[in-house]
């Protein structure tokens, strides 16, 4: 996708070159709603009570509803349990995208 966005969700680490930094859930969701995100890498612990699994859940819900194009995803958190939780959610999104692609 030309002009695609690589989303880097993290409130502490800088985004790698070529990635767009979001430090809050609201910023990440706003980028995802553009429909232009091709890659997402999520941290688990964010400022305050925010957690990366909330963005993962948004991706899953939008994938299920057919409102979000498939994107490549990763986690870059040092929290093993948080990473596993987000992977589980995002694997469900992959399943929804696969089922939708199989129906087309």
PDB file of N, CA and C in Angstrom:
ATOM      1  N   UNK A   1       0.849  -1.174   0.000  1.00  0.00           N
ATOM      2  CA  UNK A   1       0.000   0.000   0.000  1.00  0.00           C
ATOM      3  C   UNK A   1       0.889   1.229   0.000  1.00  0.00           C
ATOM      4  N   UNK A   2       0.725   2.098  -0.978  1.00  0.00           N
ATOM      5  CA  UNK A   2       1.477   3.330  -1.049  1.00  0.00           C
ATOM      6  C   UNK A   2       1.003   4.270   0.049  1.00  0.00           C
ATOM      7  N   UNK A   3       1.965   4.897   0.718  1.00  0.00           N
ATOM      8  CA  UNK A   3       1.595   5.833   1.764  1.00  0.00           C
ATOM      9  C   UNK A   3       1.130   5.175   3.040  1.00  0.00           C
ATOM     10  N   UNK A   4       1.453   3.890   3.210  1.00  0.00           N
ATOM     11  CA  UNK A   4       1.032   3.179   4.407  1.00  0.00           C
ATOM     12  C   UNK A   4       1.728   3.712   5.652  1.00  0.00           C
ATOM     13  N   UNK A   5       1.079   3.515   6.787  1.00  0.00           N
ATOM     14  CA  UNK A   5       1.592   3.969   8.072  1.00  0.00           C
ATOM     15  C   UNK A   5       2.069   2.771   8.869  1.00  0.00           C
ATOM     16  N   UNK A   6       3.250   2.888   9.438  1.00  0.00           N
ATOM     17  CA  UNK A   6       3.750   1.902  10.388  1.00  0.00           C
ATOM     18  C   UNK A   6       3.577   2.509  11.774  1.00  0.00           C
ATOM     19  N   UNK A   7       2.691   1.929  12.543  1.00  0.00           N
ATOM     20  CA  UNK A   7       2.323   2.447  13.855  1.00  0.00           C
ATOM     21  C   UNK A   7       3.216   1.857  14.944  1.00  0.00           C
ATOM     22  N   UNK A   8       3.835   2.720  15.734  1.00  0.00           N
ATOM     23  CA  UNK A   8       4.678   2.318  16.870  1.00  0.00           C
ATOM     24  C   UNK A   8       4.013   2.872  18.120  1.00  0.00           C
ATOM     25  N   UNK A   9       3.397   1.999  18.924  1.00  0.00           N
ATOM     26  CA  UNK A   9       2.730   2.420  20.158  1.00  0.00           C
ATOM     27  C   UNK A   9       3.682   2.245  21.332  1.00  0.00           C
ATOM     28  N   UNK A  10       4.114   3.369  21.907  1.00  0.00           N
ATOM     29  CA  UNK A  10       5.037   3.316  23.038  1.00  0.00           C
ATOM     30  C   UNK A  10       5.109   4.700  23.662  1.00  0.00           C
ATOM     31  N   UNK A  11       5.092   4.771  24.972  1.00  0.00           N
ATOM     32  CA  UNK A  11       5.193   6.070  25.637  1.00  0.00           C
ATOM     33  C   UNK A  11       6.598   6.358  26.150  1.00  0.00           C
ATOM     34  N   UNK A  12       7.528   5.441  25.967  1.00  0.00           N
ATOM     35  CA  UNK A  12       8.907   5.630  26.449  1.00  0.00           C
ATOM     36  C   UNK A  12       9.940   5.557  25.329  1.00  0.00           C
ATOM     37  N   UNK A  13       9.842   4.546  24.480  1.00  0.00           N
ATOM     38  CA  UNK A  13      10.842   4.337  23.445  1.00  0.00           C
ATOM     39  C   UNK A  13      10.502   5.151  22.193  1.00  0.00           C
ATOM     40  N   UNK A  14      11.514   5.716  21.555  1.00  0.00           N
ATOM     41  CA  UNK A  14      11.257   6.435  20.297  1.00  0.00           C
ATOM     42  C   UNK A  14      10.919   5.439  19.185  1.00  0.00           C
ATOM     43  N   UNK A  15      10.180   5.925  18.224  1.00  0.00           N
ATOM     44  CA  UNK A  15       9.837   5.076  17.077  1.00  0.00           C
ATOM     45  C   UNK A  15      11.055   4.888  16.192  1.00  0.00           C
ATOM     46  N   UNK A  16      11.218   3.689  15.639  1.00  0.00           N
ATOM     47  CA  UNK A  16      12.297   3.482  14.665  1.00  0.00           C
ATOM     48  C   UNK A  16      12.062   4.347  13.420  1.00  0.00           C
ATOM     49  N   UNK A  17      13.105   4.551  12.665  1.00  0.00           N
ATOM     50  CA  UNK A  17      12.989   5.322  11.418  1.00  0.00           C
ATOM     51  C   UNK A  17      11.892   4.712  10.545  1.00  0.00           C
ATOM     52  N   UNK A  18      11.051   5.552  10.010  1.00  0.00           N
ATOM     53  CA  UNK A  18       9.987   5.098   9.117  1.00  0.00           C
ATOM     54  C   UNK A  18       8.695   4.728   9.827  1.00  0.00           C
ATOM     55  N   UNK A  19       8.688   4.775  11.138  1.00  0.00           N
ATOM     56  CA  UNK A  19       7.501   4.438  11.922  1.00  0.00           C
ATOM     57  C   UNK A  19       6.890   5.708  12.503  1.00  0.00           C
ATOM     58  N   UNK A  20       5.570   5.698  12.717  1.00  0.00           N
ATOM     59  CA  UNK A  20       4.850   6.821  13.303  1.00  0.00           C
ATOM     60  C   UNK A  20       4.560   6.516  14.758  1.00  0.00           C
ATOM     61  N   UNK A  21       5.013   7.392  15.629  1.00  0.00           N
ATOM     62  CA  UNK A  21       4.861   7.196  17.065  1.00  0.00           C
ATOM     63  C   UNK A  21       3.468   7.603  17.543  1.00  0.00           C
ATOM     64  N   UNK A  22       2.858   6.728  18.329  1.00  0.00           N
ATOM     65  CA  UNK A  22       1.648   7.045  19.094  1.00  0.00           C
ATOM     66  C   UNK A  22       1.993   6.734  20.540  1.00  0.00           C
ATOM     67  N   UNK A  23       1.736   7.671  21.437  1.00  0.00           N
ATOM     68  CA  UNK A  23       2.080   7.448  22.841  1.00  0.00           C
ATOM     69  C   UNK A  23       0.861   7.116  23.693  1.00  0.00           C
ATOM     70  N   UNK A  24      -0.331   7.232  23.110  1.00  0.00           N
ATOM     71  CA  UNK A  24      -1.568   6.930  23.845  1.00  0.00           C
ATOM     72  C   UNK A  24      -2.474   6.053  22.992  1.00  0.00           C
ATOM     73  N   UNK A  25      -3.436   5.452  23.648  1.00  0.00           N
ATOM     74  CA  UNK A  25      -4.431   4.649  22.938  1.00  0.00           C
ATOM     75  C   UNK A  25      -5.192   5.513  21.935  1.00  0.00           C
ATOM     76  N   UNK A  26      -5.576   6.712  22.352  1.00  0.00           N
ATOM     77  CA  UNK A  26      -6.341   7.593  21.460  1.00  0.00           C
ATOM     78  C   UNK A  26      -5.567   7.914  20.188  1.00  0.00           C
ATOM     79  N   UNK A  27      -4.273   8.186  20.315  1.00  0.00           N
ATOM     80  CA  UNK A  27      -3.457   8.470  19.132  1.00  0.00           C
ATOM     81  C   UNK A  27      -3.367   7.252  18.221  1.00  0.00           C
ATOM     82  N   UNK A  28      -3.191   6.076  18.806  1.00  0.00           N
ATOM     83  CA  UNK A  28      -3.097   4.851  18.015  1.00  0.00           C
ATOM     84  C   UNK A  28      -4.405   4.563  17.287  1.00  0.00           C
ATOM     85  N   UNK A  29      -5.513   4.689  17.991  1.00  0.00           N
ATOM     86  CA  UNK A  29      -6.824   4.427  17.384  1.00  0.00           C
ATOM     87  C   UNK A  29      -7.096   5.421  16.256  1.00  0.00           C
ATOM     88  N   UNK A  30      -6.730   6.681  16.447  1.00  0.00           N
ATOM     89  CA  UNK A  30      -6.931   7.677  15.388  1.00  0.00           C
ATOM     90  C   UNK A  30      -6.159   7.282  14.128  1.00  0.00           C
ATOM     91  N   UNK A  31      -4.924   6.818  14.295  1.00  0.00           N
ATOM     92  CA  UNK A  31      -4.159   6.366  13.130  1.00  0.00           C
ATOM     93  C   UNK A  31      -4.795   5.138  12.487  1.00  0.00           C
ATOM     94  N   UNK A  32      -5.222   4.186  13.299  1.00  0.00           N
ATOM     95  CA  UNK A  32      -5.851   2.975  12.768  1.00  0.00           C
ATOM     96  C   UNK A  32      -7.135   3.306  12.004  1.00  0.00           C
ATOM     97  N   UNK A  33      -7.870   4.265  12.476  1.00  0.00           N
ATOM     98  CA  UNK A  33      -9.135   4.637  11.812  1.00  0.00           C
ATOM     99  C   UNK A  33      -8.930   5.235  10.425  1.00  0.00           C
ATOM    100  N   UNK A  34      -7.709   5.654  10.108  1.00  0.00           N
ATOM    101  CA  UNK A  34      -7.458   6.167   8.758  1.00  0.00           C
ATOM    102  C   UNK A  34      -7.519   5.053   7.721  1.00  0.00           C
ATOM    103  N   UNK A  35      -7.355   3.797   8.171  1.00  0.00           N
ATOM    104  CA  UNK A  35      -7.334   2.673   7.237  1.00  0.00           C
ATOM    105  C   UNK A  35      -6.022   2.551   6.489  1.00  0.00           C
ATOM    106  N   UNK A  36      -5.012   3.344   6.873  1.00  0.00           N
ATOM    107  CA  UNK A  36      -3.737   3.350   6.164  1.00  0.00           C
ATOM    108  C   UNK A  36      -2.627   2.645   6.922  1.00  0.00           C
ATOM    109  N   UNK A  37      -2.909   2.108   8.109  1.00  0.00           N
ATOM    110  CA  UNK A  37      -1.878   1.424   8.882  1.00  0.00           C
ATOM    111  C   UNK A  37      -1.614   0.047   8.271  1.00  0.00           C
ATOM    112  N   UNK A  38      -0.357  -0.194   7.927  1.00  0.00           N
ATOM    113  CA  UNK A  38       0.035  -1.471   7.325  1.00  0.00           C
ATOM    114  C   UNK A  38       0.771  -2.363   8.313  1.00  0.00           C
ATOM    115  N   UNK A  39       1.349  -1.729   9.344  1.00  0.00           N
ATOM    116  CA  UNK A  39       2.105  -2.434  10.376  1.00  0.00           C
ATOM    117  C   UNK A  39       1.799  -1.778  11.717  1.00  0.00           C
ATOM    118  N   UNK A  40       1.757  -2.593  12.758  1.00  0.00           N
ATOM    119  CA  UNK A  40       1.590  -2.057  14.110  1.00  0.00           C
ATOM    120  C   UNK A  40       2.499  -2.830  15.056  1.00  0.00           C
ATOM    121  N   UNK A  41       3.247  -2.102  15.861  1.00  0.00           N
ATOM    122  CA  UNK A  41       4.076  -2.718  16.896  1.00  0.00           C
ATOM    123  C   UNK A  41       3.655  -2.085  18.219  1.00  0.00           C
ATOM    124  N   UNK A  42       3.250  -2.939  19.164  1.00  0.00           N
ATOM    125  CA  UNK A  42       2.620  -2.449  20.385  1.00  0.00           C
ATOM    126  C   UNK A  42       3.435  -2.738  21.637  1.00  0.00           C
ATOM    127  N   UNK A  43       3.539  -1.726  22.481  1.00  0.00           N
ATOM    128  CA  UNK A  43       4.052  -1.891  23.837  1.00  0.00           C
ATOM    129  C   UNK A  43       2.849  -2.179  24.731  1.00  0.00           C
ATOM    130  N   UNK A  44       3.092  -2.818  25.862  1.00  0.00           N
ATOM    131  CA  UNK A  44       1.986  -3.162  26.761  1.00  0.00           C
ATOM    132  C   UNK A  44       1.735  -2.078  27.799  1.00  0.00           C
ATOM    133  N   UNK A  45       2.750  -1.685  28.533  1.00  0.00           N
ATOM    134  CA  UNK A  45       2.579  -0.687  29.590  1.00  0.00           C
ATOM    135  C   UNK A  45       2.718   0.713  29.017  1.00  0.00           C
ATOM    136  N   UNK A  46       1.654   1.493  29.147  1.00  0.00           N
ATOM    137  CA  UNK A  46       1.661   2.875  28.681  1.00  0.00           C
ATOM    138  C   UNK A  46       1.440   3.790  29.883  1.00  0.00           C
ATOM    139  N   UNK A  47       1.346   5.067  29.637  1.00  0.00           N
ATOM    140  CA  UNK A  47       1.158   6.037  30.707  1.00  0.00           C
ATOM    141  C   UNK A  47      -0.128   5.777  31.487  1.00  0.00           C
ATOM    142  N   UNK A  48      -0.030   5.930  32.797  1.00  0.00           N
ATOM    143  CA  UNK A  48      -1.213   5.766  33.635  1.00  0.00           C
ATOM    144  C   UNK A  48      -1.726   4.341  33.594  1.00  0.00           C
ATOM    145  N   UNK A  49      -3.017   4.207  33.406  1.00  0.00           N
ATOM    146  CA  UNK A  49      -3.652   2.888  33.399  1.00  0.00           C
ATOM    147  C   UNK A  49      -3.787   2.298  32.003  1.00  0.00           C
ATOM    148  N   UNK A  50      -3.344   3.017  30.990  1.00  0.00           N
ATOM    149  CA  UNK A  50      -3.486   2.526  29.619  1.00  0.00           C
ATOM    150  C   UNK A  50      -2.579   1.323  29.382  1.00  0.00           C
ATOM    151  N   UNK A  51      -3.108   0.354  28.637  1.00  0.00           N
ATOM    152  CA  UNK A  51      -2.365  -0.859  28.282  1.00  0.00           C
ATOM    153  C   UNK A  51      -2.527  -1.115  26.779  1.00  0.00           C
ATOM    154  N   UNK A  52      -1.479  -1.651  26.189  1.00  0.00           N
ATOM    155  CA  UNK A  52      -1.485  -1.924  24.758  1.00  0.00           C
ATOM    156  C   UNK A  52      -2.552  -2.908  24.313  1.00  0.00           C
ATOM    157  N   UNK A  53      -3.029  -3.764  25.236  1.00  0.00           N
ATOM    158  CA  UNK A  53      -4.055  -4.728  24.824  1.00  0.00           C
ATOM    159  C   UNK A  53      -5.345  -4.021  24.409  1.00  0.00           C
ATOM    160  N   UNK A  54      -5.530  -2.778  24.848  1.00  0.00           N
ATOM    161  CA  UNK A  54      -6.718  -2.038  24.425  1.00  0.00           C
ATOM    162  C   UNK A  54      -6.652  -1.713  22.934  1.00  0.00           C
ATOM    163  N   UNK A  55      -5.474  -1.413  22.441  1.00  0.00           N
ATOM    164  CA  UNK A  55      -5.307  -1.179  21.003  1.00  0.00           C
ATOM    165  C   UNK A  55      -5.434  -2.502  20.254  1.00  0.00           C
ATOM    166  N   UNK A  56      -4.861  -3.561  20.803  1.00  0.00           N
ATOM    167  CA  UNK A  56      -5.004  -4.882  20.177  1.00  0.00           C
ATOM    168  C   UNK A  56      -6.481  -5.257  20.074  1.00  0.00           C
ATOM    169  N   UNK A  57      -7.242  -4.986  21.113  1.00  0.00           N
ATOM    170  CA  UNK A  57      -8.680  -5.298  21.096  1.00  0.00           C
ATOM    171  C   UNK A  57      -9.410  -4.461  20.057  1.00  0.00           C
ATOM    172  N   UNK A  58      -9.022  -3.201  19.907  1.00  0.00           N
ATOM    173  CA  UNK A  58      -9.627  -2.360  18.871  1.00  0.00           C
ATOM    174  C   UNK A  58      -9.351  -2.952  17.493  1.00  0.00           C
ATOM    175  N   UNK A  59      -8.103  -3.368  17.257  1.00  0.00           N
ATOM    176  CA  UNK A  59      -7.746  -3.983  15.972  1.00  0.00           C
ATOM    177  C   UNK A  59      -8.606  -5.225  15.738  1.00  0.00           C
ATOM    178  N   UNK A  60      -8.734  -6.070  16.742  1.00  0.00           N
ATOM    179  CA  UNK A  60      -9.531  -7.295  16.612  1.00  0.00           C
ATOM    180  C   UNK A  60     -10.982  -6.975  16.282  1.00  0.00           C
ATOM    181  N   UNK A  61     -11.572  -6.027  17.002  1.00  0.00           N
ATOM    182  CA  UNK A  61     -12.979  -5.681  16.779  1.00  0.00           C
ATOM    183  C   UNK A  61     -13.186  -5.118  15.378  1.00  0.00           C
ATOM    184  N   UNK A  62     -12.274  -4.263  14.940  1.00  0.00           N
ATOM    185  CA  UNK A  62     -12.402  -3.680  13.607  1.00  0.00           C
ATOM    186  C   UNK A  62     -12.161  -4.721  12.511  1.00  0.00           C
ATOM    187  N   UNK A  63     -11.256  -5.648  12.751  1.00  0.00           N
ATOM    188  CA  UNK A  63     -11.033  -6.734  11.787  1.00  0.00           C
ATOM    189  C   UNK A  63     -12.292  -7.590  11.676  1.00  0.00           C
ATOM    190  N   UNK A  64     -12.892  -7.911  12.814  1.00  0.00           N
ATOM    191  CA  UNK A  64     -14.106  -8.725  12.823  1.00  0.00           C
ATOM    192  C   UNK A  64     -15.233  -8.037  12.064  1.00  0.00           C
ATOM    193  N   UNK A  65     -15.335  -6.724  12.226  1.00  0.00           N
ATOM    194  CA  UNK A  65     -16.406  -5.970  11.560  1.00  0.00           C
ATOM    195  C   UNK A  65     -16.096  -5.679  10.094  1.00  0.00           C
ATOM    196  N   UNK A  66     -14.884  -6.000   9.644  1.00  0.00           N
ATOM    197  CA  UNK A  66     -14.513  -5.749   8.258  1.00  0.00           C
ATOM    198  C   UNK A  66     -14.167  -4.293   7.983  1.00  0.00           C
ATOM    199  N   UNK A  67     -13.883  -3.533   9.016  1.00  0.00           N
ATOM    200  CA  UNK A  67     -13.593  -2.103   8.854  1.00  0.00           C
ATOM    201  C   UNK A  67     -12.105  -1.790   8.825  1.00  0.00           C
ATOM    202  N   UNK A  68     -11.266  -2.797   9.041  1.00  0.00           N
ATOM    203  CA  UNK A  68      -9.824  -2.550   9.103  1.00  0.00           C
ATOM    204  C   UNK A  68      -9.114  -3.528   8.182  1.00  0.00           C
ATOM    205  N   UNK A  69      -8.344  -3.004   7.225  1.00  0.00           N
ATOM    206  CA  UNK A  69      -7.592  -3.916   6.354  1.00  0.00           C
ATOM    207  C   UNK A  69      -6.546  -4.684   7.157  1.00  0.00           C
ATOM    208  N   UNK A  70      -6.205  -5.855   6.655  1.00  0.00           N
ATOM    209  CA  UNK A  70      -5.170  -6.663   7.317  1.00  0.00           C
ATOM    210  C   UNK A  70      -3.905  -5.837   7.476  1.00  0.00           C
ATOM    211  N   UNK A  71      -3.275  -6.012   8.618  1.00  0.00           N
ATOM    212  CA  UNK A  71      -1.995  -5.364   8.867  1.00  0.00           C
ATOM    213  C   UNK A  71      -1.060  -6.356   9.529  1.00  0.00           C
ATOM    214  N   UNK A  72       0.221  -6.123   9.351  1.00  0.00           N
ATOM    215  CA  UNK A  72       1.240  -6.925  10.029  1.00  0.00           C
ATOM    216  C   UNK A  72       1.374  -6.360  11.435  1.00  0.00           C
ATOM    217  N   UNK A  73       1.591  -7.223  12.411  1.00  0.00           N
ATOM    218  CA  UNK A  73       1.678  -6.741  13.786  1.00  0.00           C
ATOM    219  C   UNK A  73       2.804  -7.432  14.543  1.00  0.00           C
ATOM    220  N   UNK A  74       3.223  -6.765  15.592  1.00  0.00           N
ATOM    221  CA  UNK A  74       4.241  -7.299  16.494  1.00  0.00           C
ATOM    222  C   UNK A  74       4.039  -6.656  17.858  1.00  0.00           C
ATOM    223  N   UNK A  75       4.673  -7.249  18.851  1.00  0.00           N
ATOM    224  CA  UNK A  75       4.729  -6.619  20.165  1.00  0.00           C
ATOM    225  C   UNK A  75       6.198  -6.362  20.478  1.00  0.00           C
ATOM    226  N   UNK A  76       6.451  -5.310  21.223  1.00  0.00           N
ATOM    227  CA  UNK A  76       7.837  -5.017  21.602  1.00  0.00           C
ATOM    228  C   UNK A  76       7.933  -4.691  23.098  1.00  0.00           C
ATOM    229  N   UNK A  77       7.066  -5.278  23.874  1.00  0.00           N
ATOM    230  CA  UNK A  77       7.055  -5.058  25.307  1.00  0.00           C
ATOM    231  C   UNK A  77       8.004  -6.022  26.015  1.00  0.00           C
ATOM    232  N   UNK A  78       8.505  -5.604  27.162  1.00  0.00           N
ATOM    233  CA  UNK A  78       9.334  -6.501  27.970  1.00  0.00           C
ATOM    234  C   UNK A  78       8.489  -7.312  28.952  1.00  0.00           C
ATOM    235  N   UNK A  79       7.186  -7.068  28.968  1.00  0.00           N
ATOM    236  CA  UNK A  79       6.267  -7.788  29.852  1.00  0.00           C
ATOM    237  C   UNK A  79       5.790  -9.050  29.128  1.00  0.00           C
ATOM    238  N   UNK A  80       6.300 -10.197  29.545  1.00  0.00           N
ATOM    239  CA  UNK A  80       5.971 -11.459  28.875  1.00  0.00           C
ATOM    240  C   UNK A  80       4.494 -11.787  28.884  1.00  0.00           C
ATOM    241  N   UNK A  81       3.827 -11.584  30.007  1.00  0.00           N
ATOM    242  CA  UNK A  81       2.390 -11.865  30.085  1.00  0.00           C
ATOM    243  C   UNK A  81       1.598 -10.885  29.238  1.00  0.00           C
ATOM    244  N   UNK A  82       2.001  -9.615  29.252  1.00  0.00           N
ATOM    245  CA  UNK A  82       1.324  -8.619  28.421  1.00  0.00           C
ATOM    246  C   UNK A  82       1.483  -8.932  26.945  1.00  0.00           C
ATOM    247  N   UNK A  83       2.687  -9.349  26.557  1.00  0.00           N
ATOM    248  CA  UNK A  83       2.935  -9.716  25.154  1.00  0.00           C
ATOM    249  C   UNK A  83       2.062 -10.900  24.751  1.00  0.00           C
ATOM    250  N   UNK A  84       1.980 -11.908  25.606  1.00  0.00           N
ATOM    251  CA  UNK A  84       1.164 -13.090  25.300  1.00  0.00           C
ATOM    252  C   UNK A  84      -0.307 -12.707  25.171  1.00  0.00           C
ATOM    253  N   UNK A  85      -0.770 -11.829  26.039  1.00  0.00           N
ATOM    254  CA  UNK A  85      -2.173 -11.389  25.995  1.00  0.00           C
ATOM    255  C   UNK A  85      -2.461 -10.661  24.675  1.00  0.00           C
ATOM    256  N   UNK A  86      -1.573  -9.751  24.289  1.00  0.00           N
ATOM    257  CA  UNK A  86      -1.779  -9.021  23.037  1.00  0.00           C
ATOM    258  C   UNK A  86      -1.681  -9.948  21.832  1.00  0.00           C
ATOM    259  N   UNK A  87      -0.727 -10.889  21.857  1.00  0.00           N
ATOM    260  CA  UNK A  87      -0.609 -11.843  20.734  1.00  0.00           C
ATOM    261  C   UNK A  87      -1.889 -12.655  20.571  1.00  0.00           C
ATOM    262  N   UNK A  88      -2.457 -13.095  21.665  1.00  0.00           N
ATOM    263  CA  UNK A  88      -3.693 -13.868  21.603  1.00  0.00           C
ATOM    264  C   UNK A  88      -4.817 -13.062  20.942  1.00  0.00           C
ATOM    265  N   UNK A  89      -4.938 -11.816  21.323  1.00  0.00           N
ATOM    266  CA  UNK A  89      -5.964 -10.939  20.740  1.00  0.00           C
ATOM    267  C   UNK A  89      -5.701 -10.736  19.256  1.00  0.00           C
ATOM    268  N   UNK A  90      -4.453 -10.442  18.900  1.00  0.00           N
ATOM    269  CA  UNK A  90      -4.127 -10.154  17.507  1.00  0.00           C
ATOM    270  C   UNK A  90      -4.180 -11.396  16.629  1.00  0.00           C
ATOM    271  N   UNK A  91      -3.938 -12.560  17.192  1.00  0.00           N
ATOM    272  CA  UNK A  91      -4.119 -13.805  16.431  1.00  0.00           C
ATOM    273  C   UNK A  91      -5.593 -13.993  16.073  1.00  0.00           C
ATOM    274  N   UNK A  92      -6.497 -13.564  16.935  1.00  0.00           N
ATOM    275  CA  UNK A  92      -7.927 -13.594  16.594  1.00  0.00           C
ATOM    276  C   UNK A  92      -8.209 -12.668  15.415  1.00  0.00           C
ATOM    277  N   UNK A  93      -7.580 -11.490  15.413  1.00  0.00           N
ATOM    278  CA  UNK A  93      -7.746 -10.578  14.276  1.00  0.00           C
ATOM    279  C   UNK A  93      -7.265 -11.249  12.998  1.00  0.00           C
ATOM    280  N   UNK A  94      -6.113 -11.927  13.057  1.00  0.00           N
ATOM    281  CA  UNK A  94      -5.614 -12.654  11.887  1.00  0.00           C
ATOM    282  C   UNK A  94      -6.629 -13.683  11.403  1.00  0.00           C
ATOM    283  N   UNK A  95      -7.262 -14.366  12.335  1.00  0.00           N
ATOM    284  CA  UNK A  95      -8.272 -15.360  11.978  1.00  0.00           C
ATOM    285  C   UNK A  95      -9.448 -14.710  11.251  1.00  0.00           C
ATOM    286  N   UNK A  96      -9.923 -13.572  11.756  1.00  0.00           N
ATOM    287  CA  UNK A  96     -11.031 -12.863  11.099  1.00  0.00           C
ATOM    288  C   UNK A  96     -10.633 -12.429   9.697  1.00  0.00           C
ATOM    289  N   UNK A  97      -9.408 -11.890   9.549  1.00  0.00           N
ATOM    290  CA  UNK A  97      -8.961 -11.470   8.218  1.00  0.00           C
ATOM    291  C   UNK A  97      -8.871 -12.669   7.279  1.00  0.00           C
ATOM    292  N   UNK A  98      -8.372 -13.787   7.769  1.00  0.00           N
ATOM    293  CA  UNK A  98      -8.257 -14.989   6.933  1.00  0.00           C
ATOM    294  C   UNK A  98      -9.613 -15.494   6.502  1.00  0.00           C
ATOM    295  N   UNK A  99     -10.561 -15.512   7.420  1.00  0.00           N
ATOM    296  CA  UNK A  99     -11.916 -15.975   7.077  1.00  0.00           C
ATOM    297  C   UNK A  99     -12.538 -15.036   6.034  1.00  0.00           C
ATOM    298  N   UNK A 100     -12.340 -13.749   6.193  1.00  0.00           N
ATOM    299  CA  UNK A 100     -12.898 -12.776   5.258  1.00  0.00           C
ATOM    300  C   UNK A 100     -12.259 -12.930   3.872  1.00  0.00           C
ATOM    301  N   UNK A 101     -10.937 -13.129   3.869  1.00  0.00           N
ATOM    302  CA  UNK A 101     -10.235 -13.302   2.586  1.00  0.00           C
ATOM    303  C   UNK A 101     -10.677 -14.593   1.898  1.00  0.00           C
ATOM    304  N   UNK A 102     -10.949 -15.635   2.671  1.00  0.00           N
ATOM    305  CA  UNK A 102     -11.420 -16.887   2.105  1.00  0.00           C
ATOM    306  C   UNK A 102     -12.815 -16.795   1.515  1.00  0.00           C
ATOM    307  N   UNK A 103     -13.604 -15.844   2.020  1.00  0.00           N
ATOM    308  CA  UNK A 103     -14.979 -15.668   1.548  1.00  0.00           C
ATOM    309  C   UNK A 103     -15.039 -14.823   0.281  1.00  0.00           C
ATOM    310  N   UNK A 104     -13.959 -14.072   0.006  1.00  0.00           N
ATOM    311  CA  UNK A 104     -13.963 -13.194  -1.168  1.00  0.00           C
ATOM    312  C   UNK A 104     -13.727 -13.932  -2.448  1.00  0.00           C
TER     313      UNK A 104
END
